[in-house]
Amino acid sequence: MKIKAIITGTTGMVGKAVLLECLEHPDVESVLVINRKSIQLNHPKLKEIIHADFFDLTPIQNELTGYNVCFFCLGVSAMGMNEKEYTKYTYELTTHFAKIVAQQNPEMTFNYVSGTGTDSTEKGNIMWARVKGKTENALLTMPFKNVYLFRPGIILPEKGVKSKVSWYQTLYVLLKPFYPLFRQFKSVTTSSRVGKAMINSVLKGYSKKHLDNTDINELAKG
């Protein structure tokens, strides 16, 4: 099986990590990235579409056909947002995008990057966790071949990948000498492992739909 992937959020840490692993992997044939601004990267496998409005995919809809996986790594921080705003840019944006690519690619696997602590009941006290849980639950009802919901916790950046959140990046720099130690913990993963696990979820499948760091590390080995 050859992977033809759509990736969103490649200007962020997780999306960039997934992209780099895809470009290196022999079973990934082509990659389409959709961003609001260019990632300034050239590669024989890579095609980039710059598109500002993810709530209106009509101008690029015909270019979203012919892919068998979507790695949806696009996300926003809940900091400073009320629930209505966060729902718009998390639940509504994600499900709109997912519906379009599902219509265009009926045999697609859809991988969504959520986060540790996501609330599948949609009833907890933490706003972002409820909204993420609602988004995950909606994706599971859509007509995809498979849906995998990645809930990473601590991610150590590798291969030059950086966090867009400045204080995260500062923390990563300070902790870098301790990376070899942290990598031994099952509760910690790396950006490269996240990318490898996403690819392996398509090539080999996995027994769970919700994947925490322990699952990610296990699947990355496959």
N, C-alpha and C. Protein backbone atom coordinates (compact mmCIF):
# COMPACT_ATOMS: atom_id res chain seq x y z
N MET A 1 0.83 -1.19 0.00
CA MET A 1 0.00 0.00 0.00
C MET A 1 0.87 1.25 0.00
N LYS A 2 0.55 2.19 -0.86
CA LYS A 2 1.24 3.46 -0.90
C LYS A 2 0.33 4.55 -0.34
N ILE A 3 0.88 5.36 0.53
CA ILE A 3 0.12 6.42 1.17
C ILE A 3 0.14 7.68 0.32
N LYS A 4 -1.04 8.25 0.13
CA LYS A 4 -1.19 9.56 -0.47
C LYS A 4 -1.90 10.42 0.56
N ALA A 5 -1.15 11.34 1.18
CA ALA A 5 -1.62 12.01 2.38
C ALA A 5 -1.93 13.48 2.19
N ILE A 6 -2.98 13.92 2.88
CA ILE A 6 -3.25 15.33 3.08
C ILE A 6 -2.85 15.64 4.52
N ILE A 7 -2.09 16.70 4.71
CA ILE A 7 -1.69 17.10 6.06
C ILE A 7 -2.05 18.57 6.27
N THR A 8 -2.69 18.84 7.39
CA THR A 8 -2.94 20.23 7.80
C THR A 8 -2.11 20.55 9.03
N GLY A 9 -1.88 21.83 9.24
CA GLY A 9 -1.17 22.26 10.44
C GLY A 9 0.33 22.06 10.39
N THR A 10 0.93 22.06 9.21
CA THR A 10 2.36 21.78 9.11
C THR A 10 3.24 22.96 9.51
N THR A 11 2.63 24.09 9.86
CA THR A 11 3.43 25.18 10.43
C THR A 11 3.60 25.00 11.93
N GLY A 12 2.87 24.03 12.52
CA GLY A 12 3.00 23.73 13.93
C GLY A 12 3.94 22.56 14.17
N MET A 13 4.22 22.28 15.44
CA MET A 13 5.20 21.26 15.79
C MET A 13 4.79 19.87 15.34
N VAL A 14 3.57 19.46 15.67
CA VAL A 14 3.14 18.10 15.33
C VAL A 14 2.98 17.94 13.83
N GLY A 15 2.34 18.90 13.19
CA GLY A 15 2.15 18.81 11.75
C GLY A 15 3.46 18.77 10.99
N LYS A 16 4.42 19.59 11.41
CA LYS A 16 5.73 19.60 10.75
C LYS A 16 6.43 18.25 10.95
N ALA A 17 6.30 17.69 12.15
CA ALA A 17 6.92 16.39 12.43
C ALA A 17 6.33 15.29 11.56
N VAL A 18 5.01 15.29 11.43
CA VAL A 18 4.34 14.29 10.59
C VAL A 18 4.77 14.45 9.14
N LEU A 19 4.85 15.69 8.68
CA LEU A 19 5.29 15.95 7.30
C LEU A 19 6.70 15.41 7.06
N LEU A 20 7.62 15.68 7.96
CA LEU A 20 9.00 15.23 7.77
C LEU A 20 9.09 13.71 7.71
N GLU A 21 8.33 13.02 8.58
CA GLU A 21 8.34 11.56 8.55
C GLU A 21 7.75 11.04 7.25
N CYS A 22 6.71 11.70 6.76
CA CYS A 22 6.09 11.27 5.50
C CYS A 22 7.06 11.44 4.33
N LEU A 23 7.78 12.54 4.30
CA LEU A 23 8.71 12.77 3.19
C LEU A 23 9.85 11.77 3.20
N GLU A 24 10.20 11.25 4.38
CA GLU A 24 11.29 10.28 4.48
C GLU A 24 10.84 8.84 4.27
N HIS A 25 9.56 8.56 4.43
CA HIS A 25 9.08 7.17 4.44
C HIS A 25 8.89 6.63 3.02
N PRO A 26 9.42 5.44 2.74
CA PRO A 26 9.33 4.89 1.38
C PRO A 26 7.91 4.52 0.95
N ASP A 27 7.00 4.31 1.91
CA ASP A 27 5.63 3.94 1.56
C ASP A 27 4.70 5.14 1.43
N VAL A 28 5.23 6.32 1.58
CA VAL A 28 4.44 7.54 1.34
C VAL A 28 4.78 8.05 -0.06
N GLU A 29 3.79 8.01 -0.93
CA GLU A 29 4.01 8.36 -2.34
C GLU A 29 3.90 9.85 -2.60
N SER A 30 2.92 10.51 -1.95
CA SER A 30 2.73 11.94 -2.19
C SER A 30 2.09 12.58 -0.96
N VAL A 31 2.35 13.87 -0.83
CA VAL A 31 1.84 14.64 0.32
C VAL A 31 1.30 15.98 -0.17
N LEU A 32 0.09 16.27 0.23
CA LEU A 32 -0.51 17.58 -0.02
C LEU A 32 -0.64 18.30 1.32
N VAL A 33 -0.03 19.46 1.45
CA VAL A 33 -0.20 20.26 2.66
C VAL A 33 -1.06 21.47 2.33
N ILE A 34 -1.94 21.80 3.25
CA ILE A 34 -2.83 22.94 3.08
C ILE A 34 -2.60 23.87 4.26
N ASN A 35 -2.13 25.07 3.97
CA ASN A 35 -1.78 26.02 5.00
C ASN A 35 -2.27 27.41 4.65
N ARG A 36 -2.31 28.25 5.66
CA ARG A 36 -2.63 29.66 5.43
C ARG A 36 -1.40 30.44 4.95
N LYS A 37 -0.22 29.92 5.30
CA LYS A 37 1.02 30.54 4.80
C LYS A 37 2.01 29.43 4.43
N SER A 38 2.92 29.73 3.54
CA SER A 38 3.82 28.72 3.00
C SER A 38 4.82 28.23 4.05
N ILE A 39 5.16 26.94 3.96
CA ILE A 39 6.18 26.38 4.84
C ILE A 39 7.57 26.49 4.21
N GLN A 40 7.64 26.99 2.98
CA GLN A 40 8.93 27.23 2.31
C GLN A 40 9.78 25.96 2.26
N LEU A 41 9.16 24.89 1.77
CA LEU A 41 9.87 23.61 1.66
C LEU A 41 9.59 23.00 0.31
N ASN A 42 10.65 22.55 -0.36
CA ASN A 42 10.52 21.89 -1.65
C ASN A 42 10.93 20.43 -1.53
N HIS A 43 10.13 19.54 -2.13
CA HIS A 43 10.43 18.10 -2.11
C HIS A 43 9.65 17.45 -3.26
N PRO A 44 10.21 16.44 -3.90
CA PRO A 44 9.51 15.79 -5.02
C PRO A 44 8.13 15.22 -4.66
N LYS A 45 7.96 14.81 -3.41
CA LYS A 45 6.67 14.25 -2.99
C LYS A 45 5.64 15.32 -2.63
N LEU A 46 6.09 16.54 -2.43
CA LEU A 46 5.29 17.55 -1.75
C LEU A 46 4.58 18.51 -2.70
N LYS A 47 3.32 18.75 -2.41
CA LYS A 47 2.54 19.80 -3.06
C LYS A 47 1.92 20.65 -1.95
N GLU A 48 1.97 21.96 -2.13
CA GLU A 48 1.44 22.87 -1.12
C GLU A 48 0.34 23.74 -1.71
N ILE A 49 -0.75 23.85 -0.96
CA ILE A 49 -1.83 24.77 -1.32
C ILE A 49 -1.93 25.82 -0.22
N ILE A 50 -1.91 27.08 -0.61
CA ILE A 50 -2.11 28.16 0.35
C ILE A 50 -3.59 28.56 0.27
N HIS A 51 -4.27 28.41 1.40
CA HIS A 51 -5.71 28.69 1.42
C HIS A 51 -6.06 29.33 2.76
N ALA A 52 -6.65 30.49 2.72
CA ALA A 52 -6.87 31.27 3.94
C ALA A 52 -8.08 30.82 4.74
N ASP A 53 -9.15 30.42 4.07
CA ASP A 53 -10.43 30.17 4.76
C ASP A 53 -10.77 28.68 4.79
N PHE A 54 -10.52 28.02 5.90
CA PHE A 54 -10.81 26.60 6.02
C PHE A 54 -12.30 26.33 6.20
N PHE A 55 -13.09 27.38 6.35
CA PHE A 55 -14.54 27.21 6.42
C PHE A 55 -15.17 27.22 5.03
N ASP A 56 -14.39 27.57 4.03
CA ASP A 56 -14.86 27.55 2.64
C ASP A 56 -13.80 26.88 1.79
N LEU A 57 -13.99 25.60 1.54
CA LEU A 57 -13.02 24.83 0.75
C LEU A 57 -13.40 24.72 -0.72
N THR A 58 -14.46 25.40 -1.11
CA THR A 58 -14.95 25.30 -2.48
C THR A 58 -13.87 25.59 -3.52
N PRO A 59 -13.05 26.63 -3.35
CA PRO A 59 -12.04 26.93 -4.37
C PRO A 59 -10.99 25.83 -4.57
N ILE A 60 -10.78 24.99 -3.55
CA ILE A 60 -9.74 23.96 -3.66
C ILE A 60 -10.32 22.54 -3.58
N GLN A 61 -11.63 22.44 -3.55
CA GLN A 61 -12.27 21.14 -3.31
C GLN A 61 -11.83 20.07 -4.31
N ASN A 62 -11.73 20.42 -5.57
CA ASN A 62 -11.36 19.44 -6.60
C ASN A 62 -9.93 18.94 -6.45
N GLU A 63 -9.10 19.69 -5.73
CA GLU A 63 -7.70 19.28 -5.52
C GLU A 63 -7.54 18.34 -4.32
N LEU A 64 -8.64 18.06 -3.64
CA LEU A 64 -8.59 17.21 -2.45
C LEU A 64 -8.96 15.76 -2.75
N THR A 65 -9.06 15.42 -4.02
CA THR A 65 -9.44 14.07 -4.44
C THR A 65 -8.21 13.24 -4.76
N GLY A 66 -8.30 11.94 -4.45
CA GLY A 66 -7.22 11.03 -4.81
C GLY A 66 -6.27 10.72 -3.67
N TYR A 67 -6.71 10.96 -2.45
CA TYR A 67 -5.86 10.72 -1.27
C TYR A 67 -6.50 9.64 -0.39
N ASN A 68 -5.65 8.90 0.32
CA ASN A 68 -6.20 7.82 1.17
C ASN A 68 -5.98 8.04 2.66
N VAL A 69 -5.42 9.19 3.03
CA VAL A 69 -5.29 9.50 4.45
C VAL A 69 -5.23 11.01 4.63
N CYS A 70 -5.79 11.46 5.75
CA CYS A 70 -5.65 12.85 6.16
C CYS A 70 -5.09 12.86 7.57
N PHE A 71 -3.96 13.54 7.75
CA PHE A 71 -3.38 13.76 9.06
C PHE A 71 -3.74 15.19 9.47
N PHE A 72 -4.77 15.30 10.29
CA PHE A 72 -5.30 16.62 10.63
C PHE A 72 -4.62 17.10 11.91
N CYS A 73 -3.62 17.95 11.75
CA CYS A 73 -2.81 18.44 12.86
C CYS A 73 -3.06 19.91 13.17
N LEU A 74 -4.05 20.48 12.52
CA LEU A 74 -4.36 21.89 12.72
C LEU A 74 -5.12 22.07 14.03
N GLY A 75 -4.73 23.08 14.80
CA GLY A 75 -5.43 23.34 16.06
C GLY A 75 -5.11 24.72 16.58
N VAL A 76 -5.94 25.17 17.51
CA VAL A 76 -5.73 26.48 18.14
C VAL A 76 -5.71 26.30 19.65
N SER A 77 -5.07 27.21 20.34
CA SER A 77 -5.05 27.20 21.79
C SER A 77 -6.37 27.76 22.31
N ALA A 78 -6.85 27.19 23.40
CA ALA A 78 -8.08 27.68 24.02
C ALA A 78 -7.84 28.92 24.86
N MET A 79 -6.58 29.28 25.07
CA MET A 79 -6.25 30.41 25.93
C MET A 79 -6.86 31.70 25.38
N GLY A 80 -7.64 32.36 26.21
CA GLY A 80 -8.25 33.62 25.82
C GLY A 80 -9.53 33.49 25.02
N MET A 81 -9.96 32.26 24.74
CA MET A 81 -11.19 32.03 23.97
C MET A 81 -12.32 31.58 24.89
N ASN A 82 -13.54 32.01 24.56
CA ASN A 82 -14.70 31.44 25.23
C ASN A 82 -15.11 30.16 24.51
N GLU A 83 -16.08 29.45 25.05
CA GLU A 83 -16.44 28.16 24.48
C GLU A 83 -17.00 28.28 23.07
N LYS A 84 -17.76 29.32 22.80
CA LYS A 84 -18.33 29.49 21.46
C LYS A 84 -17.23 29.68 20.42
N GLU A 85 -16.25 30.51 20.74
CA GLU A 85 -15.15 30.75 19.81
C GLU A 85 -14.31 29.50 19.61
N TYR A 86 -14.00 28.83 20.71
CA TYR A 86 -13.16 27.64 20.62
C TYR A 86 -13.88 26.53 19.86
N THR A 87 -15.18 26.42 20.06
CA THR A 87 -15.97 25.43 19.32
C THR A 87 -15.93 25.71 17.82
N LYS A 88 -16.00 26.98 17.46
CA LYS A 88 -15.95 27.34 16.03
C LYS A 88 -14.65 26.90 15.39
N TYR A 89 -13.52 27.20 16.04
CA TYR A 89 -12.22 26.94 15.42
C TYR A 89 -11.68 25.53 15.70
N THR A 90 -12.40 24.78 16.49
CA THR A 90 -11.99 23.39 16.75
C THR A 90 -13.02 22.42 16.20
N TYR A 91 -14.21 22.39 16.76
CA TYR A 91 -15.23 21.45 16.32
C TYR A 91 -15.74 21.77 14.91
N GLU A 92 -16.19 22.99 14.70
CA GLU A 92 -16.82 23.33 13.42
C GLU A 92 -15.82 23.28 12.26
N LEU A 93 -14.64 23.84 12.46
CA LEU A 93 -13.65 23.83 11.39
C LEU A 93 -13.21 22.41 11.04
N THR A 94 -12.92 21.61 12.06
CA THR A 94 -12.44 20.25 11.83
C THR A 94 -13.48 19.39 11.15
N THR A 95 -14.71 19.43 11.65
CA THR A 95 -15.75 18.58 11.07
C THR A 95 -16.11 19.03 9.66
N HIS A 96 -16.06 20.32 9.39
CA HIS A 96 -16.32 20.80 8.03
C HIS A 96 -15.27 20.25 7.08
N PHE A 97 -14.01 20.38 7.46
CA PHE A 97 -12.93 19.86 6.61
C PHE A 97 -13.07 18.36 6.43
N ALA A 98 -13.36 17.65 7.50
CA ALA A 98 -13.48 16.19 7.44
C ALA A 98 -14.61 15.75 6.52
N LYS A 99 -15.74 16.44 6.57
CA LYS A 99 -16.86 16.08 5.70
C LYS A 99 -16.50 16.21 4.23
N ILE A 100 -15.76 17.26 3.90
CA ILE A 100 -15.38 17.48 2.51
C ILE A 100 -14.44 16.39 2.02
N VAL A 101 -13.39 16.09 2.80
CA VAL A 101 -12.42 15.09 2.33
C VAL A 101 -13.03 13.69 2.35
N ALA A 102 -13.99 13.45 3.23
CA ALA A 102 -14.68 12.14 3.24
C ALA A 102 -15.50 11.97 1.96
N GLN A 103 -16.15 13.02 1.53
CA GLN A 103 -16.94 12.97 0.30
C GLN A 103 -16.04 12.73 -0.91
N GLN A 104 -14.87 13.35 -0.90
CA GLN A 104 -13.96 13.26 -2.03
C GLN A 104 -13.17 11.95 -2.06
N ASN A 105 -13.01 11.33 -0.88
CA ASN A 105 -12.14 10.14 -0.76
C ASN A 105 -12.80 9.10 0.14
N PRO A 106 -13.69 8.27 -0.39
CA PRO A 106 -14.47 7.34 0.44
C PRO A 106 -13.66 6.27 1.16
N GLU A 107 -12.43 6.00 0.73
CA GLU A 107 -11.59 4.98 1.39
C GLU A 107 -10.51 5.62 2.26
N MET A 108 -10.77 6.79 2.76
CA MET A 108 -9.76 7.54 3.51
C MET A 108 -9.70 7.16 4.98
N THR A 109 -8.48 7.16 5.53
CA THR A 109 -8.26 7.10 6.97
C THR A 109 -8.03 8.53 7.46
N PHE A 110 -8.68 8.89 8.58
CA PHE A 110 -8.58 10.24 9.11
C PHE A 110 -7.96 10.18 10.50
N ASN A 111 -6.82 10.82 10.66
CA ASN A 111 -6.14 10.91 11.96
C ASN A 111 -6.23 12.33 12.49
N TYR A 112 -6.72 12.45 13.71
CA TYR A 112 -6.94 13.76 14.32
C TYR A 112 -6.07 13.92 15.55
N VAL A 113 -5.36 15.03 15.65
CA VAL A 113 -4.53 15.31 16.82
C VAL A 113 -5.37 16.07 17.83
N SER A 114 -5.64 15.40 18.93
CA SER A 114 -6.44 15.97 20.00
C SER A 114 -5.51 16.36 21.15
N GLY A 115 -5.54 15.64 22.25
CA GLY A 115 -4.62 15.94 23.34
C GLY A 115 -4.96 15.14 24.57
N THR A 116 -3.97 14.89 25.40
CA THR A 116 -4.22 14.17 26.63
C THR A 116 -5.20 14.94 27.50
N GLY A 117 -6.14 14.23 28.09
CA GLY A 117 -7.16 14.87 28.91
C GLY A 117 -8.45 15.17 28.17
N THR A 118 -8.50 14.85 26.88
CA THR A 118 -9.72 15.07 26.10
C THR A 118 -10.89 14.30 26.71
N ASP A 119 -12.04 14.94 26.75
CA ASP A 119 -13.22 14.41 27.46
C ASP A 119 -14.24 13.83 26.47
N SER A 120 -14.25 12.51 26.36
CA SER A 120 -15.17 11.85 25.42
C SER A 120 -16.62 11.96 25.85
N THR A 121 -16.87 12.23 27.15
CA THR A 121 -18.26 12.35 27.63
C THR A 121 -18.87 13.68 27.22
N GLU A 122 -18.03 14.65 26.92
CA GLU A 122 -18.44 16.02 26.57
C GLU A 122 -19.13 16.73 27.73
N LYS A 123 -18.96 16.24 28.96
CA LYS A 123 -19.70 16.78 30.11
C LYS A 123 -18.80 17.28 31.24
N GLY A 124 -17.50 17.20 31.05
CA GLY A 124 -16.58 17.58 32.12
C GLY A 124 -16.51 19.08 32.35
N ASN A 125 -15.73 19.48 33.34
CA ASN A 125 -15.62 20.89 33.72
C ASN A 125 -14.63 21.68 32.88
N ILE A 126 -13.77 20.98 32.12
CA ILE A 126 -12.73 21.66 31.36
C ILE A 126 -13.23 21.92 29.94
N MET A 127 -13.33 23.20 29.59
CA MET A 127 -13.97 23.58 28.32
C MET A 127 -13.29 22.96 27.12
N TRP A 128 -11.97 23.14 27.00
CA TRP A 128 -11.29 22.65 25.80
C TRP A 128 -11.42 21.14 25.66
N ALA A 129 -11.40 20.44 26.80
CA ALA A 129 -11.49 18.98 26.77
C ALA A 129 -12.86 18.52 26.28
N ARG A 130 -13.91 19.24 26.67
CA ARG A 130 -15.26 18.92 26.19
C ARG A 130 -15.36 19.12 24.68
N VAL A 131 -14.83 20.24 24.20
CA VAL A 131 -14.92 20.55 22.77
C VAL A 131 -14.11 19.56 21.95
N LYS A 132 -12.91 19.23 22.43
CA LYS A 132 -12.10 18.22 21.73
C LYS A 132 -12.83 16.88 21.72
N GLY A 133 -13.45 16.52 22.84
CA GLY A 133 -14.20 15.27 22.90
C GLY A 133 -15.37 15.26 21.92
N LYS A 134 -16.05 16.37 21.83
CA LYS A 134 -17.16 16.49 20.88
C LYS A 134 -16.66 16.33 19.45
N THR A 135 -15.51 16.91 19.17
CA THR A 135 -14.91 16.81 17.83
C THR A 135 -14.54 15.37 17.52
N GLU A 136 -13.86 14.71 18.46
CA GLU A 136 -13.50 13.30 18.27
C GLU A 136 -14.74 12.44 18.01
N ASN A 137 -15.77 12.64 18.82
CA ASN A 137 -16.98 11.82 18.69
C ASN A 137 -17.65 12.01 17.33
N ALA A 138 -17.63 13.25 16.85
CA ALA A 138 -18.22 13.52 15.53
C ALA A 138 -17.43 12.82 14.43
N LEU A 139 -16.12 12.85 14.53
CA LEU A 139 -15.29 12.20 13.51
C LEU A 139 -15.53 10.70 13.45
N LEU A 140 -15.78 10.09 14.60
CA LEU A 140 -16.01 8.65 14.64
C LEU A 140 -17.30 8.23 13.94
N THR A 141 -18.21 9.17 13.73
CA THR A 141 -19.47 8.85 13.05
C THR A 141 -19.40 9.05 11.54
N MET A 142 -18.31 9.61 11.06
CA MET A 142 -18.20 9.94 9.64
C MET A 142 -17.77 8.72 8.81
N PRO A 143 -18.09 8.72 7.52
CA PRO A 143 -17.86 7.54 6.67
C PRO A 143 -16.42 7.38 6.19
N PHE A 144 -15.50 7.34 7.14
CA PHE A 144 -14.11 7.08 6.81
C PHE A 144 -13.82 5.58 6.92
N LYS A 145 -12.79 5.13 6.25
CA LYS A 145 -12.35 3.75 6.39
C LYS A 145 -11.90 3.48 7.81
N ASN A 146 -11.13 4.40 8.37
CA ASN A 146 -10.68 4.33 9.75
C ASN A 146 -10.52 5.74 10.30
N VAL A 147 -10.69 5.88 11.61
CA VAL A 147 -10.42 7.13 12.30
C VAL A 147 -9.56 6.81 13.52
N TYR A 148 -8.45 7.53 13.67
CA TYR A 148 -7.59 7.39 14.84
C TYR A 148 -7.44 8.75 15.49
N LEU A 149 -7.60 8.77 16.80
CA LEU A 149 -7.61 10.02 17.55
C LEU A 149 -6.38 10.05 18.46
N PHE A 150 -5.43 10.88 18.08
CA PHE A 150 -4.16 10.95 18.78
C PHE A 150 -4.27 11.94 19.94
N ARG A 151 -3.94 11.45 21.14
CA ARG A 151 -4.00 12.28 22.34
C ARG A 151 -2.62 12.38 23.01
N PRO A 152 -1.67 13.00 22.35
CA PRO A 152 -0.33 13.07 22.93
C PRO A 152 -0.29 13.96 24.16
N GLY A 153 0.63 13.64 25.05
CA GLY A 153 0.89 14.50 26.20
C GLY A 153 2.20 15.22 25.97
N ILE A 154 3.23 14.84 26.70
CA ILE A 154 4.54 15.46 26.53
C ILE A 154 5.19 14.95 25.24
N ILE A 155 5.55 15.89 24.37
CA ILE A 155 6.22 15.55 23.11
C ILE A 155 7.57 16.24 23.07
N LEU A 156 8.63 15.47 22.92
CA LEU A 156 9.96 16.04 22.77
C LEU A 156 10.22 16.31 21.28
N PRO A 157 10.50 17.55 20.90
CA PRO A 157 10.72 17.87 19.49
C PRO A 157 12.06 17.35 18.99
N GLU A 158 12.06 16.83 17.76
CA GLU A 158 13.28 16.31 17.13
C GLU A 158 13.39 16.84 15.70
N LYS A 159 14.55 16.64 15.11
CA LYS A 159 14.80 16.97 13.70
C LYS A 159 14.53 18.45 13.38
N GLY A 160 14.83 19.30 14.34
CA GLY A 160 14.67 20.73 14.10
C GLY A 160 13.26 21.26 14.23
N VAL A 161 12.31 20.38 14.60
CA VAL A 161 10.92 20.81 14.77
C VAL A 161 10.82 21.71 15.99
N LYS A 162 10.05 22.77 15.90
CA LYS A 162 9.91 23.72 17.00
C LYS A 162 8.44 23.99 17.31
N SER A 163 8.18 24.27 18.55
CA SER A 163 6.84 24.68 18.96
C SER A 163 6.60 26.13 18.58
N LYS A 164 5.35 26.45 18.20
CA LYS A 164 4.99 27.83 17.89
C LYS A 164 4.75 28.64 19.17
N VAL A 165 4.58 27.92 20.29
CA VAL A 165 4.36 28.59 21.58
C VAL A 165 5.72 28.90 22.19
N SER A 166 6.02 30.16 22.36
CA SER A 166 7.37 30.58 22.73
C SER A 166 7.85 29.99 24.05
N TRP A 167 6.97 29.95 25.06
CA TRP A 167 7.44 29.45 26.36
C TRP A 167 7.65 27.94 26.33
N TYR A 168 6.86 27.22 25.47
CA TYR A 168 7.12 25.79 25.27
C TYR A 168 8.51 25.59 24.67
N GLN A 169 8.79 26.38 23.64
CA GLN A 169 10.07 26.22 22.95
C GLN A 169 11.24 26.53 23.88
N THR A 170 11.09 27.56 24.70
CA THR A 170 12.13 27.88 25.68
C THR A 170 12.34 26.72 26.65
N LEU A 171 11.25 26.12 27.09
CA LEU A 171 11.33 24.97 28.00
C LEU A 171 12.03 23.80 27.34
N TYR A 172 11.69 23.54 26.07
CA TYR A 172 12.32 22.43 25.33
C TYR A 172 13.83 22.63 25.24
N VAL A 173 14.25 23.86 24.99
CA VAL A 173 15.68 24.14 24.87
C VAL A 173 16.39 23.87 26.19
N LEU A 174 15.77 24.28 27.28
CA LEU A 174 16.37 24.09 28.60
C LEU A 174 16.45 22.61 28.97
N LEU A 175 15.47 21.83 28.52
CA LEU A 175 15.41 20.41 28.90
C LEU A 175 16.14 19.48 27.93
N LYS A 176 16.64 20.03 26.83
CA LYS A 176 17.24 19.19 25.79
C LYS A 176 18.34 18.25 26.30
N PRO A 177 19.21 18.69 27.22
CA PRO A 177 20.24 17.76 27.72
C PRO A 177 19.67 16.51 28.39
N PHE A 178 18.40 16.59 28.82
CA PHE A 178 17.78 15.47 29.53
C PHE A 178 16.92 14.59 28.62
N TYR A 179 16.88 14.90 27.31
CA TYR A 179 16.06 14.14 26.38
C TYR A 179 16.33 12.63 26.44
N PRO A 180 17.61 12.20 26.46
CA PRO A 180 17.85 10.74 26.50
C PRO A 180 17.18 10.07 27.69
N LEU A 181 17.13 10.77 28.81
CA LEU A 181 16.46 10.23 30.00
C LEU A 181 14.95 10.20 29.80
N PHE A 182 14.37 11.31 29.33
CA PHE A 182 12.93 11.39 29.16
C PHE A 182 12.40 10.36 28.17
N ARG A 183 13.19 10.05 27.14
CA ARG A 183 12.75 9.10 26.12
C ARG A 183 12.50 7.70 26.68
N GLN A 184 13.03 7.41 27.84
CA GLN A 184 12.85 6.10 28.44
C GLN A 184 11.48 5.93 29.09
N PHE A 185 10.80 7.04 29.33
CA PHE A 185 9.49 6.98 30.00
C PHE A 185 8.38 6.73 28.98
N LYS A 186 7.50 5.77 29.28
CA LYS A 186 6.40 5.45 28.37
C LYS A 186 5.40 6.60 28.24
N SER A 187 5.38 7.46 29.25
CA SER A 187 4.42 8.57 29.23
C SER A 187 4.92 9.75 28.40
N VAL A 188 6.14 9.65 27.89
CA VAL A 188 6.73 10.70 27.06
C VAL A 188 6.92 10.17 25.64
N THR A 189 6.61 10.99 24.65
CA THR A 189 6.87 10.59 23.27
C THR A 189 7.71 11.67 22.59
N THR A 190 8.02 11.47 21.33
CA THR A 190 8.79 12.45 20.56
C THR A 190 8.01 12.82 19.31
N SER A 191 8.39 13.93 18.72
CA SER A 191 7.71 14.35 17.50
C SER A 191 7.88 13.33 16.38
N SER A 192 9.06 12.72 16.30
CA SER A 192 9.30 11.70 15.27
C SER A 192 8.42 10.48 15.48
N ARG A 193 8.26 10.07 16.73
CA ARG A 193 7.41 8.91 17.02
C ARG A 193 5.96 9.19 16.65
N VAL A 194 5.51 10.41 16.90
CA VAL A 194 4.14 10.75 16.52
C VAL A 194 3.96 10.59 15.01
N GLY A 195 4.92 11.08 14.24
CA GLY A 195 4.84 10.95 12.79
C GLY A 195 4.88 9.51 12.34
N LYS A 196 5.78 8.73 12.90
CA LYS A 196 5.88 7.31 12.54
C LYS A 196 4.60 6.56 12.91
N ALA A 197 4.05 6.87 14.09
CA ALA A 197 2.83 6.19 14.52
C ALA A 197 1.66 6.50 13.59
N MET A 198 1.57 7.74 13.13
CA MET A 198 0.50 8.10 12.20
C MET A 198 0.62 7.29 10.91
N ILE A 199 1.82 7.21 10.40
CA ILE A 199 2.02 6.43 9.16
C ILE A 199 1.68 4.96 9.39
N ASN A 200 2.13 4.40 10.50
CA ASN A 200 1.88 2.98 10.78
C ASN A 200 0.41 2.69 11.05
N SER A 201 -0.33 3.69 11.54
CA SER A 201 -1.76 3.47 11.75
C SER A 201 -2.46 3.18 10.42
N VAL A 202 -1.94 3.76 9.35
CA VAL A 202 -2.52 3.53 8.02
C VAL A 202 -2.02 2.22 7.44
N LEU A 203 -0.73 1.97 7.57
CA LEU A 203 -0.14 0.78 6.95
C LEU A 203 -0.51 -0.51 7.68
N LYS A 204 -0.63 -0.44 9.01
CA LYS A 204 -0.80 -1.66 9.79
C LYS A 204 -2.04 -1.67 10.68
N GLY A 205 -2.65 -0.50 10.88
CA GLY A 205 -3.80 -0.44 11.76
C GLY A 205 -3.39 -0.48 13.22
N TYR A 206 -4.38 -0.30 14.10
CA TYR A 206 -4.13 -0.35 15.54
C TYR A 206 -5.41 -0.77 16.23
N SER A 207 -5.25 -1.38 17.40
CA SER A 207 -6.40 -1.96 18.10
C SER A 207 -7.27 -0.93 18.80
N LYS A 208 -6.75 0.28 19.00
CA LYS A 208 -7.50 1.33 19.69
C LYS A 208 -7.77 2.50 18.74
N LYS A 209 -8.86 3.20 19.02
CA LYS A 209 -9.15 4.43 18.28
C LYS A 209 -8.53 5.65 18.95
N HIS A 210 -8.44 5.63 20.28
CA HIS A 210 -7.85 6.73 21.02
C HIS A 210 -6.44 6.33 21.44
N LEU A 211 -5.44 7.11 21.05
CA LEU A 211 -4.04 6.75 21.31
C LEU A 211 -3.37 7.79 22.20
N ASP A 212 -2.92 7.34 23.38
CA ASP A 212 -2.13 8.21 24.24
C ASP A 212 -0.65 8.00 23.92
N ASN A 213 0.23 8.60 24.73
CA ASN A 213 1.66 8.51 24.43
C ASN A 213 2.18 7.08 24.44
N THR A 214 1.65 6.25 25.34
CA THR A 214 2.08 4.85 25.39
C THR A 214 1.72 4.15 24.09
N ASP A 215 0.52 4.37 23.59
CA ASP A 215 0.08 3.77 22.33
C ASP A 215 0.90 4.31 21.16
N ILE A 216 1.15 5.60 21.18
CA ILE A 216 1.93 6.23 20.10
C ILE A 216 3.32 5.61 20.03
N ASN A 217 3.95 5.45 21.18
CA ASN A 217 5.29 4.86 21.20
C ASN A 217 5.29 3.42 20.72
N GLU A 218 4.25 2.68 21.06
CA GLU A 218 4.14 1.29 20.63
C GLU A 218 3.91 1.20 19.12
N LEU A 219 3.00 2.03 18.63
CA LEU A 219 2.69 2.00 17.20
C LEU A 219 3.85 2.50 16.35
N ALA A 220 4.64 3.41 16.89
CA ALA A 220 5.79 3.93 16.14
C ALA A 220 6.84 2.87 15.87
N LYS A 221 6.84 1.81 16.66
CA LYS A 221 7.81 0.73 16.47
C LYS A 221 7.49 -0.16 15.28
N GLY A 222 6.20 -0.18 14.90
CA GLY A 222 5.74 -1.14 13.91
C GLY A 222 6.35 -0.97 12.54
